[in-house]
């Protein structure tokens, strides 16, 4: 499952070095997976990633 690897790499990455547009794209992707994926493990990974992305966006004062 490539999607699990996608969120695993984001979970291990430092989000502070990521530009805001990339964070917003990751946010959209993670939100989509959380709401539509039939795989519980993938939803859980995406949910944790979504929380980390949201925290970084809030730190930068970027509304979502």
N, C-alpha and C. Protein backbone atom coordinates (compact mmCIF):
# COMPACT_ATOMS: atom_id res chain seq x y z
N UNK A 1 0.83 -1.18 0.00
CA UNK A 1 0.00 0.00 0.00
C UNK A 1 0.88 1.25 0.00
N UNK A 2 0.92 1.90 -1.08
CA UNK A 2 1.74 3.10 -1.24
C UNK A 2 1.22 4.24 -0.36
N UNK A 3 -0.08 4.26 -0.10
CA UNK A 3 -0.65 5.35 0.70
C UNK A 3 -0.14 5.30 2.13
N UNK A 4 0.02 4.11 2.69
CA UNK A 4 0.54 4.00 4.05
C UNK A 4 1.96 4.53 4.10
N UNK A 5 2.77 4.20 3.09
CA UNK A 5 4.14 4.70 3.03
C UNK A 5 4.15 6.22 2.92
N UNK A 6 3.20 6.76 2.17
CA UNK A 6 3.10 8.22 2.02
C UNK A 6 2.93 8.89 3.38
N UNK A 7 2.04 8.38 4.21
CA UNK A 7 1.78 8.99 5.51
C UNK A 7 2.86 8.65 6.52
N UNK A 8 3.50 7.51 6.37
CA UNK A 8 4.62 7.16 7.24
C UNK A 8 5.76 8.14 7.02
N UNK A 9 6.04 8.48 5.78
CA UNK A 9 7.13 9.42 5.51
C UNK A 9 6.80 10.81 6.03
N UNK A 10 5.55 11.22 5.94
CA UNK A 10 5.15 12.53 6.47
C UNK A 10 5.24 12.51 7.99
N UNK A 11 4.86 11.41 8.60
CA UNK A 11 4.89 11.31 10.06
C UNK A 11 6.32 11.41 10.58
N UNK A 12 7.29 10.95 9.81
CA UNK A 12 8.68 10.97 10.22
C UNK A 12 9.39 12.26 9.81
N UNK A 13 8.80 13.00 8.90
CA UNK A 13 9.44 14.20 8.38
C UNK A 13 9.26 15.38 9.34
N UNK A 14 10.14 16.34 9.19
CA UNK A 14 10.01 17.58 9.93
C UNK A 14 9.12 18.50 9.13
N UNK A 15 7.97 18.84 9.67
CA UNK A 15 7.02 19.66 8.94
C UNK A 15 7.41 21.13 8.92
N UNK A 16 8.23 21.56 9.84
CA UNK A 16 8.62 22.97 9.88
C UNK A 16 9.39 23.38 8.65
N UNK A 17 10.09 22.48 8.02
CA UNK A 17 10.86 22.80 6.82
C UNK A 17 10.05 22.71 5.54
N UNK A 18 8.80 22.31 5.65
CA UNK A 18 7.93 22.13 4.49
C UNK A 18 7.21 23.44 4.18
N UNK A 19 7.15 23.79 2.91
CA UNK A 19 6.47 25.04 2.56
C UNK A 19 4.96 24.91 2.78
N UNK A 20 4.31 26.05 2.94
CA UNK A 20 2.89 26.08 3.30
C UNK A 20 1.98 25.46 2.24
N UNK A 21 2.29 25.67 0.97
CA UNK A 21 1.47 25.08 -0.09
C UNK A 21 1.53 23.56 -0.05
N UNK A 22 2.70 23.01 0.19
CA UNK A 22 2.83 21.56 0.30
C UNK A 22 2.06 21.03 1.49
N UNK A 23 2.11 21.77 2.60
CA UNK A 23 1.35 21.36 3.78
C UNK A 23 -0.14 21.35 3.50
N UNK A 24 -0.61 22.35 2.79
CA UNK A 24 -2.04 22.39 2.45
C UNK A 24 -2.43 21.23 1.53
N UNK A 25 -1.57 20.88 0.59
CA UNK A 25 -1.86 19.73 -0.27
C UNK A 25 -1.88 18.43 0.55
N UNK A 26 -0.92 18.28 1.46
CA UNK A 26 -0.90 17.11 2.33
C UNK A 26 -2.13 17.05 3.22
N UNK A 27 -2.55 18.21 3.70
CA UNK A 27 -3.75 18.30 4.53
C UNK A 27 -4.97 17.79 3.75
N UNK A 28 -5.12 18.27 2.51
CA UNK A 28 -6.25 17.83 1.69
C UNK A 28 -6.21 16.33 1.44
N UNK A 29 -5.03 15.82 1.14
CA UNK A 29 -4.88 14.38 0.87
C UNK A 29 -5.20 13.55 2.12
N UNK A 30 -4.67 13.97 3.26
CA UNK A 30 -4.92 13.23 4.50
C UNK A 30 -6.39 13.27 4.88
N UNK A 31 -7.03 14.43 4.71
CA UNK A 31 -8.46 14.54 5.01
C UNK A 31 -9.29 13.62 4.13
N UNK A 32 -8.91 13.53 2.87
CA UNK A 32 -9.62 12.65 1.93
C UNK A 32 -9.48 11.19 2.36
N UNK A 33 -8.29 10.79 2.74
CA UNK A 33 -8.06 9.40 3.15
C UNK A 33 -8.81 9.09 4.44
N UNK A 34 -8.79 10.02 5.39
CA UNK A 34 -9.49 9.80 6.65
C UNK A 34 -10.98 9.58 6.41
N UNK A 35 -11.54 10.30 5.47
CA UNK A 35 -12.99 10.20 5.26
C UNK A 35 -13.40 9.10 4.29
N UNK A 36 -12.50 8.63 3.41
CA UNK A 36 -12.94 7.71 2.37
C UNK A 36 -12.26 6.34 2.35
N UNK A 37 -11.18 6.18 3.08
CA UNK A 37 -10.45 4.91 2.99
C UNK A 37 -11.20 3.78 3.71
N UNK A 38 -11.29 2.61 3.08
CA UNK A 38 -11.92 1.47 3.74
C UNK A 38 -10.95 0.76 4.70
N UNK A 39 -9.68 1.11 4.66
CA UNK A 39 -8.66 0.44 5.48
C UNK A 39 -8.46 1.22 6.78
N UNK A 40 -8.77 0.58 7.91
CA UNK A 40 -8.70 1.25 9.20
C UNK A 40 -7.28 1.70 9.53
N UNK A 41 -6.28 0.89 9.24
CA UNK A 41 -4.89 1.25 9.53
C UNK A 41 -4.48 2.52 8.78
N UNK A 42 -4.91 2.62 7.55
CA UNK A 42 -4.60 3.80 6.74
C UNK A 42 -5.32 5.03 7.29
N UNK A 43 -6.56 4.88 7.70
CA UNK A 43 -7.29 6.01 8.29
C UNK A 43 -6.61 6.49 9.56
N UNK A 44 -6.12 5.57 10.37
CA UNK A 44 -5.45 5.94 11.61
C UNK A 44 -4.16 6.70 11.33
N UNK A 45 -3.35 6.21 10.40
CA UNK A 45 -2.11 6.90 10.03
C UNK A 45 -2.40 8.28 9.47
N UNK A 46 -3.39 8.35 8.60
CA UNK A 46 -3.75 9.63 8.00
C UNK A 46 -4.28 10.59 9.06
N UNK A 47 -5.02 10.08 10.03
CA UNK A 47 -5.54 10.92 11.10
C UNK A 47 -4.43 11.53 11.95
N UNK A 48 -3.43 10.73 12.29
CA UNK A 48 -2.30 11.25 13.06
C UNK A 48 -1.52 12.27 12.25
N UNK A 49 -1.35 11.98 10.97
CA UNK A 49 -0.65 12.92 10.10
C UNK A 49 -1.44 14.21 9.99
N UNK A 50 -2.74 14.10 9.88
CA UNK A 50 -3.61 15.27 9.78
C UNK A 50 -3.46 16.15 11.02
N UNK A 51 -3.39 15.55 12.20
CA UNK A 51 -3.21 16.31 13.43
C UNK A 51 -1.89 17.08 13.43
N UNK A 52 -0.81 16.42 12.98
CA UNK A 52 0.50 17.09 12.93
C UNK A 52 0.49 18.24 11.94
N UNK A 53 -0.13 18.03 10.78
CA UNK A 53 -0.20 19.08 9.76
C UNK A 53 -1.01 20.26 10.28
N UNK A 54 -2.15 19.98 10.91
CA UNK A 54 -2.99 21.05 11.45
C UNK A 54 -2.25 21.87 12.50
N UNK A 55 -1.49 21.20 13.34
CA UNK A 55 -0.72 21.91 14.37
C UNK A 55 0.29 22.86 13.72
N UNK A 56 0.95 22.40 12.68
CA UNK A 56 1.93 23.24 11.99
C UNK A 56 1.25 24.40 11.26
N UNK A 57 0.11 24.15 10.65
CA UNK A 57 -0.61 25.22 9.97
C UNK A 57 -1.09 26.27 10.97
N UNK A 58 -1.56 25.83 12.13
CA UNK A 58 -1.98 26.78 13.17
C UNK A 58 -0.79 27.61 13.66
N UNK A 59 0.35 26.95 13.81
CA UNK A 59 1.55 27.65 14.26
C UNK A 59 1.91 28.77 13.28
N UNK A 60 1.65 28.52 12.00
CA UNK A 60 1.95 29.53 10.97
C UNK A 60 0.79 30.49 10.73
N UNK A 61 -0.28 30.32 11.47
CA UNK A 61 -1.48 31.17 11.35
C UNK A 61 -2.11 31.08 9.96
N UNK A 62 -2.14 29.88 9.40
CA UNK A 62 -2.76 29.64 8.09
C UNK A 62 -4.13 29.01 8.33
N UNK A 63 -5.19 29.67 7.91
CA UNK A 63 -6.54 29.13 8.14
C UNK A 63 -6.84 27.96 7.21
N UNK A 64 -7.53 26.98 7.76
CA UNK A 64 -7.97 25.84 6.95
C UNK A 64 -9.45 25.62 7.13
